[in-house]
Structures are given as C-alpha cells and as structure tokens.
Amino acid sequence: MKKIFAVTTLVLLVLLSMSAMAATTGRYDQQIQQAVSQKIHDSKQLQNVQSTVEDGIVTLHGTVDLYQDKLDAAKKVRKLSYVTGVRNDITVAGQTVPDNQLQQKLAKKLAYDRVGYFDNTFNYVAVAVNNGVVTLTGDAYWAPPVDDALAVAARTPGVKDVVDNVKVLPASNVDDSIRIRTARAIYRDSVLGRYGIDPANPIRIIVDNGHVTLYGKVQNTMDKNIAGIRAGEVPGVFSVDNKLVVD
C-alpha cells in the first residue's frame, strides 16, 4: 500500500512540474523578440537578418555579407536574457570567389598569421575550399593558432562556411623538448639554415607523443632527405614522417 501511495505521489509531482513548465513556456517570447529585433536593428551588418522566437529558442534567418557576421549575430542573441537557444539559419550571400582563388588567398593569409609568435614553426594548418565551404586541417601546438585560423577564414570575403578539423596537440614537456631540439638540429644545419629566412614558410615541425612530422617546401630532394635525417637524430624521437614537398 505504501509503495502504491509513493508511486502515485511521484506521478502527481511529475504532472504538476509539467504543468508549471507548460504555463511558463513561451512566457518571455515577446520580450525576447523585441530584444532580438533591437539588437539586429543596431547592427549595420545584420540589416537583412530576421528572427522568430518559440519557447525561448531564437531562429535567425536572412542574409549577411561575411561568415563572421553570421557568427556575430548568433553570439549577440545568445547573450540576451531568457534566450535558451539559437538556430542560426542565416545565409552568407556576399561575393562569390572561385574556390582555387579563395584557397590561394587563405593559404597566404594563414602562412603569415602566426609570424612572430614562438609557436609559428610548430603549427601546420592546411586549407581546402569546396563551393565556398572552407575546411581547415592540420595540427596546432595549442588552441590560439586554431582560433586565429578560424578568425582569418571567417573574415575573408567569399567564405560561406568553415569546418574546423585542426587537431590541438596534447600538452607535453617531453614533446616541447623534442620540438626545440629538432628545430635546432634542422635550422643549425649548414644546408637547411636558409629555410629559416622566410618566417612565413619554415620547415614546420609537428611533434605528437614523440612522433615528428615535417611539413613545408624545400628546393630539392637532398634538402628533404637531410631534414628527415636531422629530425631522426634527435634523442627521444620515435619516428619521422617526412612530408616536405620539393618545390
């Protein structure tokens, strides 16, 4: 008897809770709609964006010129009171740039993006473009280079969407030591030292749990082979994947 009473009480509590939720669902929709409309109206880049609100969830639609504007729209709305979610259906309708042209432009921007930072040599980010959709791949020493690469892509005219497939490498004092010693072994070599002249196009050294991968362009096969040998001579290196391209 006590068990039946307990179950009945639980059911009643659940029903009361559901009733309370139903009573408050959509309670703030009108207030949210007004706030969203004002926020959009205040932004020059979002003049062609519209919104609807249902049960606290805001759906954004319309058009913007840059992919970054689409991201900014959702970010602005998420900060508003009582908003429980955002569906971002905005279309990036800015200028159309041929994929190969857009890829070359982004590759150049990304090459110079981290110049001057200590981690520049230890990041590798590649870019591919398909119908305006940019896919970033590669490996990064830590999160900031990935954030920077995404920001570069998002602010570039012609980009319709961005896919982030860049791996952030695990923190490791051992790998850090290997990075430094591998860089010294390569750039202090009398033949390979010239690849440190242009900081936008270094021999990139990726280290993941003692495994080294080399990226970049070199002038001939001999330079590629020497770089692989120098990396393999560093104590603690388990393997070397030499992906240097002979230009």
C-alpha atoms as a PDB file:
ATOM      1  CA  MET A   1       0.000   0.000   0.000  1.00  0.00           C
ATOM      2  CA  LYS A   2       2.820   2.386   0.891  1.00  0.00           C
ATOM      3  CA  LYS A   3       4.522   1.578  -2.413  1.00  0.00           C
ATOM      4  CA  ILE A   4       1.370   2.414  -4.398  1.00  0.00           C
ATOM      5  CA  PHE A   5       0.991   5.688  -2.478  1.00  0.00           C
ATOM      6  CA  ALA A   6       4.613   6.624  -3.172  1.00  0.00           C
ATOM      7  CA  VAL A   7       4.239   5.930  -6.898  1.00  0.00           C
ATOM      8  CA  THR A   8       1.006   7.923  -7.053  1.00  0.00           C
ATOM      9  CA  THR A   9       2.656  10.863  -5.284  1.00  0.00           C
ATOM     10  CA  LEU A  10       5.598  10.765  -7.698  1.00  0.00           C
ATOM     11  CA  VAL A  11       3.270  10.772 -10.713  1.00  0.00           C
ATOM     12  CA  LEU A  12       1.356  13.747  -9.314  1.00  0.00           C
ATOM     13  CA  LEU A  13       4.585  15.653  -8.720  1.00  0.00           C
ATOM     14  CA  VAL A  14       5.734  14.991 -12.290  1.00  0.00           C
ATOM     15  CA  LEU A  15       2.369  16.136 -13.677  1.00  0.00           C
ATOM     16  CA  LEU A  16       2.471  19.305 -11.556  1.00  0.00           C
ATOM     17  CA  SER A  17       6.009  20.007 -12.739  1.00  0.00           C
ATOM     18  CA  MET A  18       5.000  19.548 -16.373  1.00  0.00           C
ATOM     19  CA  SER A  19       2.017  21.821 -15.860  1.00  0.00           C
ATOM     20  CA  ALA A  20       4.226  24.500 -14.357  1.00  0.00           C
ATOM     21  CA  MET A  21       6.632  24.235 -17.283  1.00  0.00           C
ATOM     22  CA  ALA A  22       3.778  24.450 -19.758  1.00  0.00           C
ATOM     23  CA  ALA A  23       2.490  27.556 -18.016  1.00  0.00           C
ATOM     24  CA  THR A  24       5.837  29.318 -18.319  1.00  0.00           C
ATOM     25  CA  THR A  25       6.797  28.013 -21.796  1.00  0.00           C
ATOM     26  CA  GLY A  26       6.865  30.921 -24.182  1.00  0.00           C
ATOM     27  CA  ARG A  27       6.284  33.368 -21.359  1.00  0.00           C
ATOM     28  CA  TYR A  28       9.176  35.582 -22.425  1.00  0.00           C
ATOM     29  CA  ASP A  29       8.953  35.048 -26.197  1.00  0.00           C
ATOM     30  CA  GLN A  30       7.553  38.511 -26.908  1.00  0.00           C
ATOM     31  CA  GLN A  31      10.170  40.155 -24.702  1.00  0.00           C
ATOM     32  CA  ILE A  32      12.915  38.146 -26.396  1.00  0.00           C
ATOM     33  CA  GLN A  33      11.599  39.038 -29.853  1.00  0.00           C
ATOM     34  CA  GLN A  34      11.723  42.737 -29.061  1.00  0.00           C
ATOM     35  CA  ALA A  35      15.256  42.476 -27.689  1.00  0.00           C
ATOM     36  CA  VAL A  36      16.468  40.486 -30.694  1.00  0.00           C
ATOM     37  CA  SER A  37      14.886  42.899 -33.155  1.00  0.00           C
ATOM     38  CA  GLN A  38      16.540  45.832 -31.388  1.00  0.00           C
ATOM     39  CA  LYS A  39      19.917  44.086 -31.326  1.00  0.00           C
ATOM     40  CA  ILE A  40      19.692  43.337 -35.043  1.00  0.00           C
ATOM     41  CA  HIS A  41      18.477  46.837 -35.872  1.00  0.00           C
ATOM     42  CA  ASP A  42      21.503  48.336 -34.073  1.00  0.00           C
ATOM     43  CA  SER A  43      23.979  46.389 -36.235  1.00  0.00           C
ATOM     44  CA  LYS A  44      24.687  47.643 -39.749  1.00  0.00           C
ATOM     45  CA  GLN A  45      25.895  44.196 -40.853  1.00  0.00           C
ATOM     46  CA  LEU A  46      22.647  42.498 -39.796  1.00  0.00           C
ATOM     47  CA  GLN A  47      20.066  44.677 -41.531  1.00  0.00           C
ATOM     48  CA  ASN A  48      18.933  41.755 -43.736  1.00  0.00           C
ATOM     49  CA  VAL A  49      18.538  39.347 -40.823  1.00  0.00           C
ATOM     50  CA  GLN A  50      15.160  38.397 -39.381  1.00  0.00           C
ATOM     51  CA  SER A  51      14.220  36.300 -36.372  1.00  0.00           C
ATOM     52  CA  THR A  52      11.458  34.248 -34.832  1.00  0.00           C
ATOM     53  CA  VAL A  53      11.118  33.064 -31.236  1.00  0.00           C
ATOM     54  CA  GLU A  54       9.409  29.975 -29.894  1.00  0.00           C
ATOM     55  CA  ASP A  55       9.709  28.725 -26.317  1.00  0.00           C
ATOM     56  CA  GLY A  56      12.813  30.820 -25.759  1.00  0.00           C
ATOM     57  CA  ILE A  57      14.592  29.468 -28.842  1.00  0.00           C
ATOM     58  CA  VAL A  58      15.554  32.101 -31.409  1.00  0.00           C
ATOM     59  CA  THR A  59      15.756  31.204 -35.091  1.00  0.00           C
ATOM     60  CA  LEU A  60      17.797  33.576 -37.225  1.00  0.00           C
ATOM     61  CA  HIS A  61      17.365  33.729 -40.987  1.00  0.00           C
ATOM     62  CA  GLY A  62      18.101  36.137 -43.796  1.00  0.00           C
ATOM     63  CA  THR A  63      21.442  37.096 -45.350  1.00  0.00           C
ATOM     64  CA  VAL A  64      24.798  38.649 -44.413  1.00  0.00           C
ATOM     65  CA  ASP A  65      27.912  39.512 -46.420  1.00  0.00           C
ATOM     66  CA  LEU A  66      30.536  37.712 -44.330  1.00  0.00           C
ATOM     67  CA  TYR A  67      30.593  34.419 -42.467  1.00  0.00           C
ATOM     68  CA  GLN A  68      31.885  36.335 -39.435  1.00  0.00           C
ATOM     69  CA  ASP A  69      28.670  38.393 -39.478  1.00  0.00           C
ATOM     70  CA  LYS A  70      26.675  35.165 -39.216  1.00  0.00           C
ATOM     71  CA  LEU A  71      28.708  34.086 -36.194  1.00  0.00           C
ATOM     72  CA  ASP A  72      28.400  37.520 -34.596  1.00  0.00           C
ATOM     73  CA  ALA A  73      24.615  37.501 -34.994  1.00  0.00           C
ATOM     74  CA  ALA A  74      24.243  34.278 -33.021  1.00  0.00           C
ATOM     75  CA  LYS A  75      26.730  35.468 -30.410  1.00  0.00           C
ATOM     76  CA  LYS A  76      24.800  38.701 -29.828  1.00  0.00           C
ATOM     77  CA  VAL A  77      21.495  36.857 -29.439  1.00  0.00           C
ATOM     78  CA  ARG A  78      22.841  34.229 -27.023  1.00  0.00           C
ATOM     79  CA  LYS A  79      23.750  36.987 -24.576  1.00  0.00           C
ATOM     80  CA  LEU A  80      20.156  38.233 -24.306  1.00  0.00           C
ATOM     81  CA  SER A  81      18.074  37.437 -21.235  1.00  0.00           C
ATOM     82  CA  TYR A  82      15.765  34.411 -21.295  1.00  0.00           C
ATOM     83  CA  VAL A  83      17.198  33.055 -24.572  1.00  0.00           C
ATOM     84  CA  THR A  84      17.573  29.287 -24.189  1.00  0.00           C
ATOM     85  CA  GLY A  85      18.964  28.508 -27.637  1.00  0.00           C
ATOM     86  CA  VAL A  86      19.773  29.850 -31.097  1.00  0.00           C
ATOM     87  CA  ARG A  87      19.230  28.246 -34.501  1.00  0.00           C
ATOM     88  CA  ASN A  88      21.469  30.015 -36.967  1.00  0.00           C
ATOM     89  CA  ASP A  89      19.911  29.635 -40.446  1.00  0.00           C
ATOM     90  CA  ILE A  90      21.459  32.812 -41.833  1.00  0.00           C
ATOM     91  CA  THR A  91      22.817  32.525 -45.378  1.00  0.00           C
ATOM     92  CA  VAL A  92      26.154  34.093 -46.300  1.00  0.00           C
ATOM     93  CA  ALA A  93      25.274  35.855 -49.542  1.00  0.00           C
ATOM     94  CA  GLY A  94      28.313  38.058 -50.083  1.00  0.00           C
ATOM     95  CA  GLN A  95      30.567  37.976 -53.105  1.00  0.00           C
ATOM     96  CA  THR A  96      31.330  34.649 -54.760  1.00  0.00           C
ATOM     97  CA  VAL A  97      35.018  33.821 -55.198  1.00  0.00           C
ATOM     98  CA  PRO A  98      36.285  30.847 -57.260  1.00  0.00           C
ATOM     99  CA  ASP A  99      37.409  28.019 -54.985  1.00  0.00           C
ATOM    100  CA  ASN A 100      41.006  27.905 -56.219  1.00  0.00           C
ATOM    101  CA  GLN A 101      41.389  31.672 -55.870  1.00  0.00           C
ATOM    102  CA  LEU A 102      39.887  31.621 -52.383  1.00  0.00           C
ATOM    103  CA  GLN A 103      42.119  28.709 -51.368  1.00  0.00           C
ATOM    104  CA  GLN A 104      45.266  30.524 -52.503  1.00  0.00           C
ATOM    105  CA  LYS A 105      44.247  33.718 -50.733  1.00  0.00           C
ATOM    106  CA  LEU A 106      43.530  31.922 -47.461  1.00  0.00           C
ATOM    107  CA  ALA A 107      46.729  29.861 -47.647  1.00  0.00           C
ATOM    108  CA  LYS A 108      48.766  33.052 -47.961  1.00  0.00           C
ATOM    109  CA  LYS A 109      46.939  34.728 -45.078  1.00  0.00           C
ATOM    110  CA  LEU A 110      47.362  31.685 -42.836  1.00  0.00           C
ATOM    111  CA  ALA A 111      51.076  31.426 -43.685  1.00  0.00           C
ATOM    112  CA  TYR A 112      51.675  34.895 -42.240  1.00  0.00           C
ATOM    113  CA  ASP A 113      49.124  34.670 -39.439  1.00  0.00           C
ATOM    114  CA  ARG A 114      51.452  33.453 -36.660  1.00  0.00           C
ATOM    115  CA  VAL A 115      54.690  35.029 -37.853  1.00  0.00           C
ATOM    116  CA  GLY A 116      56.491  36.473 -34.842  1.00  0.00           C
ATOM    117  CA  TYR A 117      54.960  34.013 -32.354  1.00  0.00           C
ATOM    118  CA  PHE A 118      57.138  31.380 -30.683  1.00  0.00           C
ATOM    119  CA  ASP A 119      54.839  28.588 -31.902  1.00  0.00           C
ATOM    120  CA  ASN A 120      54.907  29.526 -35.601  1.00  0.00           C
ATOM    121  CA  THR A 121      57.256  26.713 -36.645  1.00  0.00           C
ATOM    122  CA  PHE A 122      55.309  24.167 -34.599  1.00  0.00           C
ATOM    123  CA  ASN A 123      51.898  24.627 -36.281  1.00  0.00           C
ATOM    124  CA  TYR A 124      50.643  23.278 -39.583  1.00  0.00           C
ATOM    125  CA  VAL A 125      47.244  24.365 -40.929  1.00  0.00           C
ATOM    126  CA  ALA A 126      46.115  23.372 -44.428  1.00  0.00           C
ATOM    127  CA  VAL A 127      43.070  24.788 -46.203  1.00  0.00           C
ATOM    128  CA  ALA A 128      40.694  23.290 -48.772  1.00  0.00           C
ATOM    129  CA  VAL A 129      37.700  25.006 -50.384  1.00  0.00           C
ATOM    130  CA  ASN A 130      34.623  23.432 -51.962  1.00  0.00           C
ATOM    131  CA  ASN A 131      31.806  25.687 -53.160  1.00  0.00           C
ATOM    132  CA  GLY A 132      32.884  28.372 -50.727  1.00  0.00           C
ATOM    133  CA  VAL A 133      32.993  25.973 -47.757  1.00  0.00           C
ATOM    134  CA  VAL A 134      36.427  26.143 -46.132  1.00  0.00           C
ATOM    135  CA  THR A 135      37.855  23.105 -44.367  1.00  0.00           C
ATOM    136  CA  LEU A 136      40.884  23.582 -42.127  1.00  0.00           C
ATOM    137  CA  THR A 137      43.044  20.580 -41.266  1.00  0.00           C
ATOM    138  CA  GLY A 138      46.401  20.030 -39.596  1.00  0.00           C
ATOM    139  CA  ASP A 139      47.948  20.155 -36.143  1.00  0.00           C
ATOM    140  CA  ALA A 140      48.438  23.033 -33.722  1.00  0.00           C
ATOM    141  CA  TYR A 141      50.749  23.455 -30.760  1.00  0.00           C
ATOM    142  CA  TRP A 142      47.803  24.798 -28.709  1.00  0.00           C
ATOM    143  CA  ALA A 143      44.353  26.389 -29.204  1.00  0.00           C
ATOM    144  CA  PRO A 144      45.266  30.027 -30.112  1.00  0.00           C
ATOM    145  CA  PRO A 145      46.591  29.191 -33.606  1.00  0.00           C
ATOM    146  CA  VAL A 146      43.345  27.366 -34.366  1.00  0.00           C
ATOM    147  CA  ASP A 147      41.262  30.298 -33.142  1.00  0.00           C
ATOM    148  CA  ASP A 148      43.339  32.657 -35.277  1.00  0.00           C
ATOM    149  CA  ALA A 149      42.957  30.479 -38.374  1.00  0.00           C
ATOM    150  CA  LEU A 150      39.185  30.269 -37.905  1.00  0.00           C
ATOM    151  CA  ALA A 151      39.003  34.053 -37.495  1.00  0.00           C
ATOM    152  CA  VAL A 152      41.017  34.607 -40.683  1.00  0.00           C
ATOM    153  CA  ALA A 153      38.691  32.331 -42.648  1.00  0.00           C
ATOM    154  CA  ALA A 154      35.520  33.804 -41.154  1.00  0.00           C
ATOM    155  CA  ARG A 155      36.517  37.364 -42.102  1.00  0.00           C
ATOM    156  CA  THR A 156      37.523  36.563 -45.687  1.00  0.00           C
ATOM    157  CA  PRO A 157      35.003  37.548 -48.403  1.00  0.00           C
ATOM    158  CA  GLY A 158      33.735  34.556 -50.363  1.00  0.00           C
ATOM    159  CA  VAL A 159      33.753  32.129 -47.429  1.00  0.00           C
ATOM    160  CA  LYS A 160      30.289  30.606 -46.955  1.00  0.00           C
ATOM    161  CA  ASP A 161      31.054  28.229 -44.084  1.00  0.00           C
ATOM    162  CA  VAL A 162      34.039  26.950 -42.095  1.00  0.00           C
ATOM    163  CA  VAL A 163      34.770  23.389 -40.957  1.00  0.00           C
ATOM    164  CA  ASP A 164      37.393  23.026 -38.217  1.00  0.00           C
ATOM    165  CA  ASN A 165      39.317  19.742 -38.423  1.00  0.00           C
ATOM    166  CA  VAL A 166      42.560  21.033 -36.891  1.00  0.00           C
ATOM    167  CA  LYS A 167      43.888  18.887 -34.050  1.00  0.00           C
ATOM    168  CA  VAL A 168      45.172  20.636 -30.937  1.00  0.00           C
ATOM    169  CA  LEU A 169      48.174  18.612 -29.793  1.00  0.00           C
ATOM    170  CA  PRO A 170      48.316  17.408 -26.176  1.00  0.00           C
ATOM    171  CA  ALA A 171      50.461  19.370 -23.755  1.00  0.00           C
ATOM    172  CA  SER A 172      53.741  17.585 -23.108  1.00  0.00           C
ATOM    173  CA  ASN A 173      57.048  18.760 -21.674  1.00  0.00           C
ATOM    174  CA  VAL A 174      58.767  15.885 -23.465  1.00  0.00           C
ATOM    175  CA  ASP A 175      57.313  16.922 -26.834  1.00  0.00           C
ATOM    176  CA  ASP A 176      58.243  20.551 -26.139  1.00  0.00           C
ATOM    177  CA  SER A 177      61.829  19.490 -25.612  1.00  0.00           C
ATOM    178  CA  ILE A 178      61.776  17.498 -28.854  1.00  0.00           C
ATOM    179  CA  ARG A 179      60.351  20.478 -30.742  1.00  0.00           C
ATOM    180  CA  ILE A 180      63.153  22.777 -29.625  1.00  0.00           C
ATOM    181  CA  ARG A 181      65.906  20.252 -30.239  1.00  0.00           C
ATOM    182  CA  THR A 182      64.515  19.295 -33.663  1.00  0.00           C
ATOM    183  CA  ALA A 183      64.295  22.947 -34.695  1.00  0.00           C
ATOM    184  CA  ARG A 184      67.902  23.464 -33.647  1.00  0.00           C
ATOM    185  CA  ALA A 185      69.028  20.344 -35.493  1.00  0.00           C
ATOM    186  CA  ILE A 186      67.344  21.476 -38.701  1.00  0.00           C
ATOM    187  CA  TYR A 187      67.999  25.203 -38.718  1.00  0.00           C
ATOM    188  CA  ARG A 188      71.578  24.987 -37.482  1.00  0.00           C
ATOM    189  CA  ASP A 189      72.412  22.661 -40.346  1.00  0.00           C
ATOM    190  CA  SER A 190      74.594  24.473 -42.905  1.00  0.00           C
ATOM    191  CA  VAL A 191      72.362  23.318 -45.782  1.00  0.00           C
ATOM    192  CA  LEU A 192      68.938  23.807 -44.171  1.00  0.00           C
ATOM    193  CA  GLY A 193      69.554  27.110 -42.395  1.00  0.00           C
ATOM    194  CA  ARG A 194      68.228  29.088 -45.374  1.00  0.00           C
ATOM    195  CA  TYR A 195      64.707  27.784 -44.722  1.00  0.00           C
ATOM    196  CA  GLY A 196      64.559  29.958 -41.642  1.00  0.00           C
ATOM    197  CA  ILE A 197      64.928  33.161 -43.649  1.00  0.00           C
ATOM    198  CA  ASP A 198      61.247  33.451 -44.600  1.00  0.00           C
ATOM    199  CA  PRO A 199      59.252  33.059 -41.349  1.00  0.00           C
ATOM    200  CA  ALA A 200      56.049  32.532 -43.310  1.00  0.00           C
ATOM    201  CA  ASN A 201      57.414  29.397 -44.984  1.00  0.00           C
ATOM    202  CA  PRO A 202      59.528  27.496 -42.477  1.00  0.00           C
ATOM    203  CA  ILE A 203      60.035  23.778 -42.258  1.00  0.00           C
ATOM    204  CA  ARG A 204      57.148  23.090 -39.905  1.00  0.00           C
ATOM    205  CA  ILE A 205      57.848  20.648 -37.097  1.00  0.00           C
ATOM    206  CA  ILE A 206      54.869  18.797 -35.644  1.00  0.00           C
ATOM    207  CA  VAL A 207      55.516  16.611 -32.594  1.00  0.00           C
ATOM    208  CA  ASP A 208      52.864  14.309 -31.187  1.00  0.00           C
ATOM    209  CA  ASN A 209      53.923  11.907 -28.417  1.00  0.00           C
ATOM    210  CA  GLY A 210      57.468  11.716 -29.746  1.00  0.00           C
ATOM    211  CA  HIS A 211      56.457  11.245 -33.381  1.00  0.00           C
ATOM    212  CA  VAL A 212      57.723  14.009 -35.673  1.00  0.00           C
ATOM    213  CA  THR A 213      56.090  15.122 -38.918  1.00  0.00           C
ATOM    214  CA  LEU A 214      57.781  17.652 -41.202  1.00  0.00           C
ATOM    215  CA  TYR A 215      55.741  19.947 -43.476  1.00  0.00           C
ATOM    216  CA  GLY A 216      56.704  22.690 -45.882  1.00  0.00           C
ATOM    217  CA  LYS A 217      58.512  23.225 -49.172  1.00  0.00           C
ATOM    218  CA  VAL A 218      62.198  22.673 -49.913  1.00  0.00           C
ATOM    219  CA  GLN A 219      64.232  23.327 -53.037  1.00  0.00           C
ATOM    220  CA  ASN A 220      65.407  19.811 -53.787  1.00  0.00           C
ATOM    221  CA  THR A 221      65.249  16.167 -52.745  1.00  0.00           C
ATOM    222  CA  MET A 222      68.595  16.336 -50.968  1.00  0.00           C
ATOM    223  CA  ASP A 223      67.318  19.064 -48.623  1.00  0.00           C
ATOM    224  CA  LYS A 224      64.219  16.994 -47.886  1.00  0.00           C
ATOM    225  CA  ASN A 225      66.305  13.935 -47.052  1.00  0.00           C
ATOM    226  CA  ILE A 226      68.725  15.888 -44.868  1.00  0.00           C
ATOM    227  CA  ALA A 227      65.834  17.402 -42.887  1.00  0.00           C
ATOM    228  CA  GLY A 228      64.451  13.925 -42.249  1.00  0.00           C
ATOM    229  CA  ILE A 229      67.851  12.657 -41.139  1.00  0.00           C
ATOM    230  CA  ARG A 230      68.428  15.580 -38.770  1.00  0.00           C
ATOM    231  CA  ALA A 231      64.985  15.105 -37.177  1.00  0.00           C
ATOM    232  CA  GLY A 232      65.595  11.378 -36.778  1.00  0.00           C
ATOM    233  CA  GLU A 233      68.881  12.012 -34.961  1.00  0.00           C
ATOM    234  CA  VAL A 234      67.180  13.940 -32.137  1.00  0.00           C
ATOM    235  CA  PRO A 235      67.121  11.873 -28.899  1.00  0.00           C
ATOM    236  CA  GLY A 236      63.600  10.881 -27.883  1.00  0.00           C
ATOM    237  CA  VAL A 237      62.144  10.916 -31.408  1.00  0.00           C
ATOM    238  CA  PHE A 238      60.302   7.645 -32.093  1.00  0.00           C
ATOM    239  CA  SER A 239      59.624   8.181 -35.794  1.00  0.00           C
ATOM    240  CA  VAL A 240      59.798  10.815 -38.544  1.00  0.00           C
ATOM    241  CA  ASP A 241      57.154  11.284 -41.233  1.00  0.00           C
ATOM    242  CA  ASN A 242      58.809  13.470 -43.851  1.00  0.00           C
ATOM    243  CA  LYS A 243      56.036  15.246 -45.764  1.00  0.00           C
ATOM    244  CA  LEU A 244      58.220  18.029 -47.116  1.00  0.00           C
ATOM    245  CA  VAL A 245      57.395  18.900 -50.707  1.00  0.00           C
ATOM    246  CA  VAL A 246      60.097  19.551 -53.290  1.00  0.00           C
ATOM    247  CA  ASP A 247      59.143  22.817 -54.968  1.00  0.00           C
END
